[in-house]
Structure formats: C-alpha cells, structure tokens
PDB file of all heavy atoms in Angstrom:
ATOM      1  N   VAL A   1     -55.606 -90.554 -38.314  1.00  0.00           N
ATOM      2  CA  VAL A   1     -55.285 -89.613 -37.238  1.00  0.00           C
ATOM      3  C   VAL A   1     -56.564 -89.115 -36.576  1.00  0.00           C
ATOM      4  O   VAL A   1     -56.666 -89.060 -35.352  1.00  0.00           O
ATOM      5  CB  VAL A   1     -54.459 -88.427 -37.777  1.00  0.00           C
ATOM      6  CG1 VAL A   1     -54.257 -87.364 -36.696  1.00  0.00           C
ATOM      7  CG2 VAL A   1     -53.099 -88.915 -38.277  1.00  0.00           C
ATOM      8  N   LYS A   2     -57.559 -88.763 -37.371  1.00  0.00           N
ATOM      9  CA  LYS A   2     -58.832 -88.278 -36.826  1.00  0.00           C
ATOM     10  C   LYS A   2     -59.484 -89.308 -35.897  1.00  0.00           C
ATOM     11  O   LYS A   2     -60.130 -88.952 -34.915  1.00  0.00           O
ATOM     12  CB  LYS A   2     -59.815 -87.971 -37.958  1.00  0.00           C
ATOM     13  CG  LYS A   2     -59.503 -86.749 -38.778  1.00  0.00           C
ATOM     14  CD  LYS A   2     -60.604 -86.561 -39.812  1.00  0.00           C
ATOM     15  CE  LYS A   2     -60.326 -85.422 -40.744  1.00  0.00           C
ATOM     16  NZ  LYS A   2     -61.383 -85.281 -41.774  1.00  0.00           N
ATOM     17  N   ASN A   3     -59.305 -90.582 -36.228  1.00  0.00           N
ATOM     18  CA  ASN A   3     -60.001 -91.648 -35.497  1.00  0.00           C
ATOM     19  C   ASN A   3     -59.170 -92.285 -34.394  1.00  0.00           C
ATOM     20  O   ASN A   3     -59.520 -93.373 -33.916  1.00  0.00           O
ATOM     21  CB  ASN A   3     -60.460 -92.733 -36.482  1.00  0.00           C
ATOM     22  CG  ASN A   3     -61.505 -92.224 -37.452  1.00  0.00           C
ATOM     23  OD1 ASN A   3     -62.246 -91.288 -37.145  1.00  0.00           O
ATOM     24  ND2 ASN A   3     -61.567 -92.823 -38.627  1.00  0.00           N
ATOM     25  N   LEU A   4     -58.082 -91.635 -33.992  1.00  0.00           N
ATOM     26  CA  LEU A   4     -57.287 -92.191 -32.891  1.00  0.00           C
ATOM     27  C   LEU A   4     -58.179 -92.369 -31.664  1.00  0.00           C
ATOM     28  O   LEU A   4     -58.917 -91.448 -31.293  1.00  0.00           O
ATOM     29  CB  LEU A   4     -56.114 -91.259 -32.570  1.00  0.00           C
ATOM     30  CG  LEU A   4     -54.937 -91.326 -33.551  1.00  0.00           C
ATOM     31  CD1 LEU A   4     -53.970 -90.170 -33.319  1.00  0.00           C
ATOM     32  CD2 LEU A   4     -54.209 -92.651 -33.413  1.00  0.00           C
ATOM     33  N   PRO A   5     -58.122 -93.517 -31.013  1.00  0.00           N
ATOM     34  CA  PRO A   5     -59.093 -93.862 -29.958  1.00  0.00           C
ATOM     35  C   PRO A   5     -59.097 -92.939 -28.740  1.00  0.00           C
ATOM     36  O   PRO A   5     -60.137 -92.745 -28.124  1.00  0.00           O
ATOM     37  CB  PRO A   5     -58.688 -95.283 -29.561  1.00  0.00           C
ATOM     38  CG  PRO A   5     -57.259 -95.410 -29.973  1.00  0.00           C
ATOM     39  CD  PRO A   5     -57.140 -94.604 -31.222  1.00  0.00           C
ATOM     40  N   ASN A   6     -57.947 -92.346 -28.389  1.00  0.00           N
ATOM     41  CA  ASN A   6     -57.882 -91.516 -27.188  1.00  0.00           C
ATOM     42  C   ASN A   6     -57.786 -90.019 -27.482  1.00  0.00           C
ATOM     43  O   ASN A   6     -57.577 -89.219 -26.572  1.00  0.00           O
ATOM     44  CB  ASN A   6     -56.678 -91.936 -26.333  1.00  0.00           C
ATOM     45  CG  ASN A   6     -56.837 -93.332 -25.764  1.00  0.00           C
ATOM     46  OD1 ASN A   6     -57.842 -93.645 -25.131  1.00  0.00           O
ATOM     47  ND2 ASN A   6     -55.856 -94.193 -26.000  1.00  0.00           N
ATOM     48  N   LEU A   7     -57.938 -89.649 -28.753  1.00  0.00           N
ATOM     49  CA  LEU A   7     -57.767 -88.254 -29.143  1.00  0.00           C
ATOM     50  C   LEU A   7     -58.868 -87.365 -28.568  1.00  0.00           C
ATOM     51  O   LEU A   7     -60.052 -87.627 -28.741  1.00  0.00           O
ATOM     52  CB  LEU A   7     -57.756 -88.141 -30.664  1.00  0.00           C
ATOM     53  CG  LEU A   7     -57.274 -86.809 -31.240  1.00  0.00           C
ATOM     54  CD1 LEU A   7     -55.829 -86.542 -30.852  1.00  0.00           C
ATOM     55  CD2 LEU A   7     -57.428 -86.795 -32.757  1.00  0.00           C
ATOM     56  N   LYS A   8     -58.449 -86.295 -27.849  1.00  0.00           N
ATOM     57  CA  LYS A   8     -59.385 -85.348 -27.244  1.00  0.00           C
ATOM     58  C   LYS A   8     -59.340 -83.988 -27.928  1.00  0.00           C
ATOM     59  O   LYS A   8     -60.355 -83.303 -28.027  1.00  0.00           O
ATOM     60  CB  LYS A   8     -59.058 -85.174 -25.753  1.00  0.00           C
ATOM     61  CG  LYS A   8     -59.071 -86.471 -24.943  1.00  0.00           C
ATOM     62  CD  LYS A   8     -60.434 -87.125 -24.930  1.00  0.00           C
ATOM     63  CE  LYS A   8     -60.422 -88.394 -24.087  1.00  0.00           C
ATOM     64  NZ  LYS A   8     -61.715 -89.099 -24.135  1.00  0.00           N
ATOM     65  N   LYS A   9     -58.154 -83.574 -28.382  1.00  0.00           N
ATOM     66  CA  LYS A   9     -57.998 -82.255 -28.995  1.00  0.00           C
ATOM     67  C   LYS A   9     -57.180 -82.358 -30.272  1.00  0.00           C
ATOM     68  O   LYS A   9     -56.118 -82.964 -30.280  1.00  0.00           O
ATOM     69  CB  LYS A   9     -57.319 -81.281 -28.028  1.00  0.00           C
ATOM     70  CG  LYS A   9     -58.137 -80.952 -26.798  1.00  0.00           C
ATOM     71  CD  LYS A   9     -57.406 -79.979 -25.885  1.00  0.00           C
ATOM     72  CE  LYS A   9     -58.220 -79.663 -24.637  1.00  0.00           C
ATOM     73  NZ  LYS A   9     -57.491 -78.732 -23.729  1.00  0.00           N
ATOM     74  N   LEU A  10     -57.700 -81.757 -31.331  1.00  0.00           N
ATOM     75  CA  LEU A  10     -57.010 -81.719 -32.614  1.00  0.00           C
ATOM     76  C   LEU A  10     -57.113 -80.298 -33.151  1.00  0.00           C
ATOM     77  O   LEU A  10     -58.171 -79.863 -33.580  1.00  0.00           O
ATOM     78  CB  LEU A  10     -57.644 -82.722 -33.587  1.00  0.00           C
ATOM     79  CG  LEU A  10     -57.106 -82.741 -35.010  1.00  0.00           C
ATOM     80  CD1 LEU A  10     -55.601 -82.986 -35.021  1.00  0.00           C
ATOM     81  CD2 LEU A  10     -57.813 -83.808 -35.830  1.00  0.00           C
ATOM     82  N   ASN A  11     -56.003 -79.560 -33.097  1.00  0.00           N
ATOM     83  CA  ASN A  11     -55.987 -78.161 -33.520  1.00  0.00           C
ATOM     84  C   ASN A  11     -55.481 -78.076 -34.952  1.00  0.00           C
ATOM     85  O   ASN A  11     -54.305 -78.301 -35.216  1.00  0.00           O
ATOM     86  CB  ASN A  11     -55.078 -77.345 -32.585  1.00  0.00           C
ATOM     87  CG  ASN A  11     -55.147 -75.855 -32.864  1.00  0.00           C
ATOM     88  OD1 ASN A  11     -55.696 -75.412 -33.865  1.00  0.00           O
ATOM     89  ND2 ASN A  11     -54.583 -75.064 -31.971  1.00  0.00           N
ATOM     90  N   VAL A  12     -56.373 -77.765 -35.905  1.00  0.00           N
ATOM     91  CA  VAL A  12     -56.002 -77.664 -37.318  1.00  0.00           C
ATOM     92  C   VAL A  12     -56.268 -76.261 -37.866  1.00  0.00           C
ATOM     93  O   VAL A  12     -56.390 -76.070 -39.072  1.00  0.00           O
ATOM     94  CB  VAL A  12     -56.766 -78.705 -38.160  1.00  0.00           C
ATOM     95  CG1 VAL A  12     -56.393 -80.111 -37.767  1.00  0.00           C
ATOM     96  CG2 VAL A  12     -58.280 -78.498 -38.020  1.00  0.00           C
ATOM     97  N   GLU A  13     -56.329 -75.286 -36.997  1.00  0.00           N
ATOM     98  CA  GLU A  13     -56.647 -73.924 -37.417  1.00  0.00           C
ATOM     99  C   GLU A  13     -55.620 -73.372 -38.410  1.00  0.00           C
ATOM    100  O   GLU A  13     -54.443 -73.713 -38.372  1.00  0.00           O
ATOM    101  CB  GLU A  13     -56.727 -73.006 -36.194  1.00  0.00           C
ATOM    102  CG  GLU A  13     -57.898 -73.315 -35.280  1.00  0.00           C
ATOM    103  CD  GLU A  13     -57.966 -72.368 -34.093  1.00  0.00           C
ATOM    104  OE1 GLU A  13     -57.067 -71.518 -33.970  1.00  0.00           O
ATOM    105  OE2 GLU A  13     -58.906 -72.494 -33.290  1.00  0.00           O
ATOM    106  N   ARG A  14     -56.109 -72.527 -39.305  1.00  0.00           N
ATOM    107  CA  ARG A  14     -55.289 -71.805 -40.277  1.00  0.00           C
ATOM    108  C   ARG A  14     -54.483 -72.746 -41.182  1.00  0.00           C
ATOM    109  O   ARG A  14     -53.270 -72.623 -41.308  1.00  0.00           O
ATOM    110  CB  ARG A  14     -54.371 -70.799 -39.576  1.00  0.00           C
ATOM    111  CG  ARG A  14     -55.134 -69.690 -38.864  1.00  0.00           C
ATOM    112  CD  ARG A  14     -54.211 -68.752 -38.120  1.00  0.00           C
ATOM    113  NE  ARG A  14     -53.486 -69.427 -37.063  1.00  0.00           N
ATOM    114  CZ  ARG A  14     -53.994 -69.698 -35.854  1.00  0.00           C
ATOM    115  NH1 ARG A  14     -55.234 -69.331 -35.566  1.00  0.00           N
ATOM    116  NH2 ARG A  14     -53.281 -70.316 -34.939  1.00  0.00           N
ATOM    117  N   ASN A  15     -55.204 -73.689 -41.786  1.00  0.00           N
ATOM    118  CA  ASN A  15     -54.664 -74.527 -42.846  1.00  0.00           C
ATOM    119  C   ASN A  15     -55.530 -74.315 -44.090  1.00  0.00           C
ATOM    120  O   ASN A  15     -56.731 -74.049 -43.967  1.00  0.00           O
ATOM    121  CB  ASN A  15     -54.679 -76.010 -42.449  1.00  0.00           C
ATOM    122  CG  ASN A  15     -53.485 -76.397 -41.598  1.00  0.00           C
ATOM    123  OD1 ASN A  15     -52.378 -76.555 -42.092  1.00  0.00           O
ATOM    124  ND2 ASN A  15     -53.711 -76.541 -40.305  1.00  0.00           N
ATOM    125  N   PRO A  16     -54.969 -74.421 -45.292  1.00  0.00           N
ATOM    126  CA  PRO A  16     -55.734 -74.146 -46.524  1.00  0.00           C
ATOM    127  C   PRO A  16     -56.587 -75.318 -46.994  1.00  0.00           C
ATOM    128  O   PRO A  16     -56.439 -75.803 -48.111  1.00  0.00           O
ATOM    129  CB  PRO A  16     -54.625 -73.828 -47.539  1.00  0.00           C
ATOM    130  CG  PRO A  16     -53.482 -74.681 -47.098  1.00  0.00           C
ATOM    131  CD  PRO A  16     -53.537 -74.675 -45.584  1.00  0.00           C
ATOM    132  N   PHE A  17     -57.503 -75.771 -46.141  1.00  0.00           N
ATOM    133  CA  PHE A  17     -58.383 -76.858 -46.538  1.00  0.00           C
ATOM    134  C   PHE A  17     -59.240 -76.411 -47.719  1.00  0.00           C
ATOM    135  O   PHE A  17     -59.786 -75.298 -47.705  1.00  0.00           O
ATOM    136  CB  PHE A  17     -59.283 -77.278 -45.378  1.00  0.00           C
ATOM    137  CG  PHE A  17     -58.528 -77.883 -44.217  1.00  0.00           C
ATOM    138  CD1 PHE A  17     -58.566 -77.303 -42.956  1.00  0.00           C
ATOM    139  CD2 PHE A  17     -57.782 -79.032 -44.392  1.00  0.00           C
ATOM    140  CE1 PHE A  17     -57.876 -77.853 -41.896  1.00  0.00           C
ATOM    141  CE2 PHE A  17     -57.090 -79.594 -43.325  1.00  0.00           C
ATOM    142  CZ  PHE A  17     -57.133 -79.011 -42.083  1.00  0.00           C
ATOM    143  N   PRO A  18     -59.395 -77.254 -48.741  1.00  0.00           N
ATOM    144  CA  PRO A  18     -60.202 -76.873 -49.904  1.00  0.00           C
ATOM    145  C   PRO A  18     -61.664 -76.643 -49.556  1.00  0.00           C
ATOM    146  O   PRO A  18     -62.350 -75.864 -50.189  1.00  0.00           O
ATOM    147  CB  PRO A  18     -60.032 -78.058 -50.865  1.00  0.00           C
ATOM    148  CG  PRO A  18     -59.648 -79.204 -49.977  1.00  0.00           C
ATOM    149  CD  PRO A  18     -58.821 -78.599 -48.875  1.00  0.00           C
ATOM    150  N   ASP A  19     -62.135 -77.319 -48.521  1.00  0.00           N
ATOM    151  CA  ASP A  19     -63.515 -77.176 -48.070  1.00  0.00           C
ATOM    152  C   ASP A  19     -63.471 -76.833 -46.594  1.00  0.00           C
ATOM    153  O   ASP A  19     -62.873 -77.543 -45.797  1.00  0.00           O
ATOM    154  CB  ASP A  19     -64.287 -78.484 -48.280  1.00  0.00           C
ATOM    155  CG  ASP A  19     -65.767 -78.324 -48.003  1.00  0.00           C
ATOM    156  OD1 ASP A  19     -66.136 -77.367 -47.301  1.00  0.00           O
ATOM    157  OD2 ASP A  19     -66.551 -79.163 -48.486  1.00  0.00           O
ATOM    158  N   SER A  20     -64.086 -75.742 -46.202  1.00  0.00           N
ATOM    159  CA  SER A  20     -64.038 -75.313 -44.806  1.00  0.00           C
ATOM    160  C   SER A  20     -64.629 -76.354 -43.872  1.00  0.00           C
ATOM    161  O   SER A  20     -64.374 -76.345 -42.672  1.00  0.00           O
ATOM    162  CB  SER A  20     -64.792 -73.989 -44.625  1.00  0.00           C
ATOM    163  OG  SER A  20     -66.152 -74.133 -45.007  1.00  0.00           O
ATOM    164  N   LYS A  21     -65.428 -77.292 -44.397  1.00  0.00           N
ATOM    165  CA  LYS A  21     -66.036 -78.317 -43.557  1.00  0.00           C
ATOM    166  C   LYS A  21     -64.974 -79.224 -42.940  1.00  0.00           C
ATOM    167  O   LYS A  21     -65.203 -79.841 -41.906  1.00  0.00           O
ATOM    168  CB  LYS A  21     -67.022 -79.164 -44.369  1.00  0.00           C
ATOM    169  CG  LYS A  21     -68.282 -78.413 -44.767  1.00  0.00           C
ATOM    170  CD  LYS A  21     -69.226 -79.326 -45.514  1.00  0.00           C
ATOM    171  CE  LYS A  21     -70.508 -78.590 -45.899  1.00  0.00           C
ATOM    172  NZ  LYS A  21     -71.440 -79.469 -46.640  1.00  0.00           N
ATOM    173  N   GLU A  22     -63.809 -79.318 -43.584  1.00  0.00           N
ATOM    174  CA  GLU A  22     -62.732 -80.175 -43.061  1.00  0.00           C
ATOM    175  C   GLU A  22     -62.362 -79.745 -41.659  1.00  0.00           C
ATOM    176  O   GLU A  22     -62.255 -80.558 -40.745  1.00  0.00           O
ATOM    177  CB  GLU A  22     -61.510 -80.072 -43.974  1.00  0.00           C
ATOM    178  CG  GLU A  22     -60.285 -80.819 -43.473  1.00  0.00           C
ATOM    179  CD  GLU A  22     -60.343 -82.287 -43.758  1.00  0.00           C
ATOM    180  OE1 GLU A  22     -61.054 -82.676 -44.706  1.00  0.00           O
ATOM    181  OE2 GLU A  22     -59.700 -83.067 -43.039  1.00  0.00           O
ATOM    182  N   GLU A  23     -62.164 -78.434 -41.470  1.00  0.00           N
ATOM    183  CA  GLU A  23     -61.790 -77.934 -40.152  1.00  0.00           C
ATOM    184  C   GLU A  23     -62.956 -78.061 -39.191  1.00  0.00           C
ATOM    185  O   GLU A  23     -62.783 -78.387 -38.027  1.00  0.00           O
ATOM    186  CB  GLU A  23     -61.343 -76.476 -40.247  1.00  0.00           C
ATOM    187  CG  GLU A  23     -60.892 -75.895 -38.920  1.00  0.00           C
ATOM    188  CD  GLU A  23     -60.265 -74.516 -39.059  1.00  0.00           C
ATOM    189  OE1 GLU A  23     -60.006 -74.095 -40.192  1.00  0.00           O
ATOM    190  OE2 GLU A  23     -60.052 -73.876 -38.017  1.00  0.00           O
ATOM    191  N   GLU A  24     -64.170 -77.816 -39.680  1.00  0.00           N
ATOM    192  CA  GLU A  24     -65.343 -77.901 -38.812  1.00  0.00           C
ATOM    193  C   GLU A  24     -65.533 -79.318 -38.286  1.00  0.00           C
ATOM    194  O   GLU A  24     -65.873 -79.531 -37.137  1.00  0.00           O
ATOM    195  CB  GLU A  24     -66.590 -77.461 -39.580  1.00  0.00           C
ATOM    196  CG  GLU A  24     -66.590 -75.965 -39.907  1.00  0.00           C
ATOM    197  CD  GLU A  24     -67.803 -75.585 -40.743  1.00  0.00           C
ATOM    198  OE1 GLU A  24     -68.642 -76.476 -40.996  1.00  0.00           O
ATOM    199  OE2 GLU A  24     -67.896 -74.419 -41.138  1.00  0.00           O
ATOM    200  N   GLU A  25     -65.293 -80.309 -39.139  1.00  0.00           N
ATOM    201  CA  GLU A  25     -65.521 -81.699 -38.761  1.00  0.00           C
ATOM    202  C   GLU A  25     -64.647 -82.133 -37.597  1.00  0.00           C
ATOM    203  O   GLU A  25     -65.100 -82.824 -36.694  1.00  0.00           O
ATOM    204  CB  GLU A  25     -65.257 -82.615 -39.964  1.00  0.00           C
ATOM    205  CG  GLU A  25     -66.365 -82.584 -40.994  1.00  0.00           C
ATOM    206  CD  GLU A  25     -66.028 -83.467 -42.184  1.00  0.00           C
ATOM    207  OE1 GLU A  25     -64.965 -84.116 -42.133  1.00  0.00           O
ATOM    208  OE2 GLU A  25     -66.810 -83.491 -43.142  1.00  0.00           O
ATOM    209  N   VAL A  26     -63.363 -81.727 -37.621  1.00  0.00           N
ATOM    210  CA  VAL A  26     -62.456 -82.193 -36.587  1.00  0.00           C
ATOM    211  C   VAL A  26     -62.563 -81.394 -35.307  1.00  0.00           C
ATOM    212  O   VAL A  26     -62.001 -81.774 -34.283  1.00  0.00           O
ATOM    213  CB  VAL A  26     -60.988 -82.170 -37.084  1.00  0.00           C
ATOM    214  CG1 VAL A  26     -60.811 -83.126 -38.225  1.00  0.00           C
ATOM    215  CG2 VAL A  26     -60.561 -80.768 -37.474  1.00  0.00           C
ATOM    216  N   GLN A  27     -63.279 -80.255 -35.336  1.00  0.00           N
ATOM    217  CA  GLN A  27     -63.396 -79.453 -34.134  1.00  0.00           C
ATOM    218  C   GLN A  27     -64.824 -79.367 -33.615  1.00  0.00           C
ATOM    219  O   GLN A  27     -65.103 -78.772 -32.586  1.00  0.00           O
ATOM    220  CB  GLN A  27     -62.852 -78.041 -34.393  1.00  0.00           C
ATOM    221  CG  GLN A  27     -61.378 -78.054 -34.768  1.00  0.00           C
ATOM    222  CD  GLN A  27     -60.736 -76.692 -34.619  1.00  0.00           C
ATOM    223  OE1 GLN A  27     -60.940 -76.016 -33.624  1.00  0.00           O
ATOM    224  NE2 GLN A  27     -59.952 -76.301 -35.582  1.00  0.00           N
ATOM    225  N   ASP A  28     -65.756 -79.959 -34.357  1.00  0.00           N
ATOM    226  CA  ASP A  28     -67.149 -79.898 -33.945  1.00  0.00           C
ATOM    227  C   ASP A  28     -67.394 -80.654 -32.646  1.00  0.00           C
ATOM    228  O   ASP A  28     -66.662 -81.571 -32.286  1.00  0.00           O
ATOM    229  CB  ASP A  28     -68.035 -80.518 -35.032  1.00  0.00           C
ATOM    230  CG  ASP A  28     -68.869 -79.466 -35.742  1.00  0.00           C
ATOM    231  OD1 ASP A  28     -68.925 -78.341 -35.233  1.00  0.00           O
ATOM    232  OD2 ASP A  28     -69.445 -79.785 -36.801  1.00  0.00           O
ATOM    233  N   ASP A  29     -68.454 -80.243 -31.959  1.00  0.00           N
ATOM    234  CA  ASP A  29     -68.906 -80.974 -30.788  1.00  0.00           C
ATOM    235  C   ASP A  29     -69.266 -82.395 -31.235  1.00  0.00           C
ATOM    236  O   ASP A  29     -70.084 -82.573 -32.143  1.00  0.00           O
ATOM    237  CB  ASP A  29     -70.138 -80.256 -30.217  1.00  0.00           C
ATOM    238  CG  ASP A  29     -70.689 -80.962 -28.989  1.00  0.00           C
ATOM    239  OD1 ASP A  29     -70.098 -81.954 -28.531  1.00  0.00           O
ATOM    240  OD2 ASP A  29     -71.723 -80.504 -28.498  1.00  0.00           O
ATOM    241  N   PRO A  30     -68.657 -83.430 -30.640  1.00  0.00           N
ATOM    242  CA  PRO A  30     -68.938 -84.793 -31.077  1.00  0.00           C
ATOM    243  C   PRO A  30     -70.360 -85.250 -30.780  1.00  0.00           C
ATOM    244  O   PRO A  30     -70.825 -86.227 -31.338  1.00  0.00           O
ATOM    245  CB  PRO A  30     -67.930 -85.631 -30.273  1.00  0.00           C
ATOM    246  CG  PRO A  30     -67.637 -84.805 -29.063  1.00  0.00           C
ATOM    247  CD  PRO A  30     -67.690 -83.386 -29.545  1.00  0.00           C
ATOM    248  N   ILE A  31     -71.076 -84.539 -29.901  1.00  0.00           N
ATOM    249  CA  ILE A  31     -72.446 -84.909 -29.562  1.00  0.00           C
ATOM    250  C   ILE A  31     -73.397 -84.303 -30.587  1.00  0.00           C
ATOM    251  O   ILE A  31     -73.479 -83.087 -30.742  1.00  0.00           O
ATOM    252  CB  ILE A  31     -72.838 -84.403 -28.154  1.00  0.00           C
ATOM    253  CG1 ILE A  31     -71.884 -84.994 -27.105  1.00  0.00           C
ATOM    254  CG2 ILE A  31     -74.279 -84.775 -27.833  1.00  0.00           C
ATOM    255  CD1 ILE A  31     -72.134 -84.465 -25.721  1.00  0.00           C
ATOM    256  N   LYS A  32     -74.082 -85.124 -31.324  1.00  0.00           N
ATOM    257  CA  LYS A  32     -75.023 -84.663 -32.332  1.00  0.00           C
ATOM    258  C   LYS A  32     -76.393 -84.462 -31.692  1.00  0.00           C
ATOM    259  O   LYS A  32     -76.951 -85.367 -31.092  1.00  0.00           O
ATOM    260  CB  LYS A  32     -75.124 -85.684 -33.473  1.00  0.00           C
ATOM    261  CG  LYS A  32     -73.779 -85.998 -34.131  1.00  0.00           C
ATOM    262  CD  LYS A  32     -73.151 -84.773 -34.732  1.00  0.00           C
ATOM    263  CE  LYS A  32     -71.817 -85.114 -35.385  1.00  0.00           C
ATOM    264  NZ  LYS A  32     -71.127 -83.934 -35.916  1.00  0.00           N
TER     265      LYS A  32
END
C-alpha cells in the first residue's frame, strides 16, 4: 500500500503504531 505508484496522500493519524516512526515514514517529505 505504501508503495502504490500514484499515491499522493496517506493519512494514518491516530493509530497505535508500536514505533512512532511508522507514522512519520508515511507522512514525511519524500525529498531527502
């Protein structure tokens, strides 16, 4: 799901991810 080719927005806020990095990864600026 994360790697869908045309995906622009993925809202995963307020889920009990065991590691907060999970939410950060899918919402981070893709430009490093």
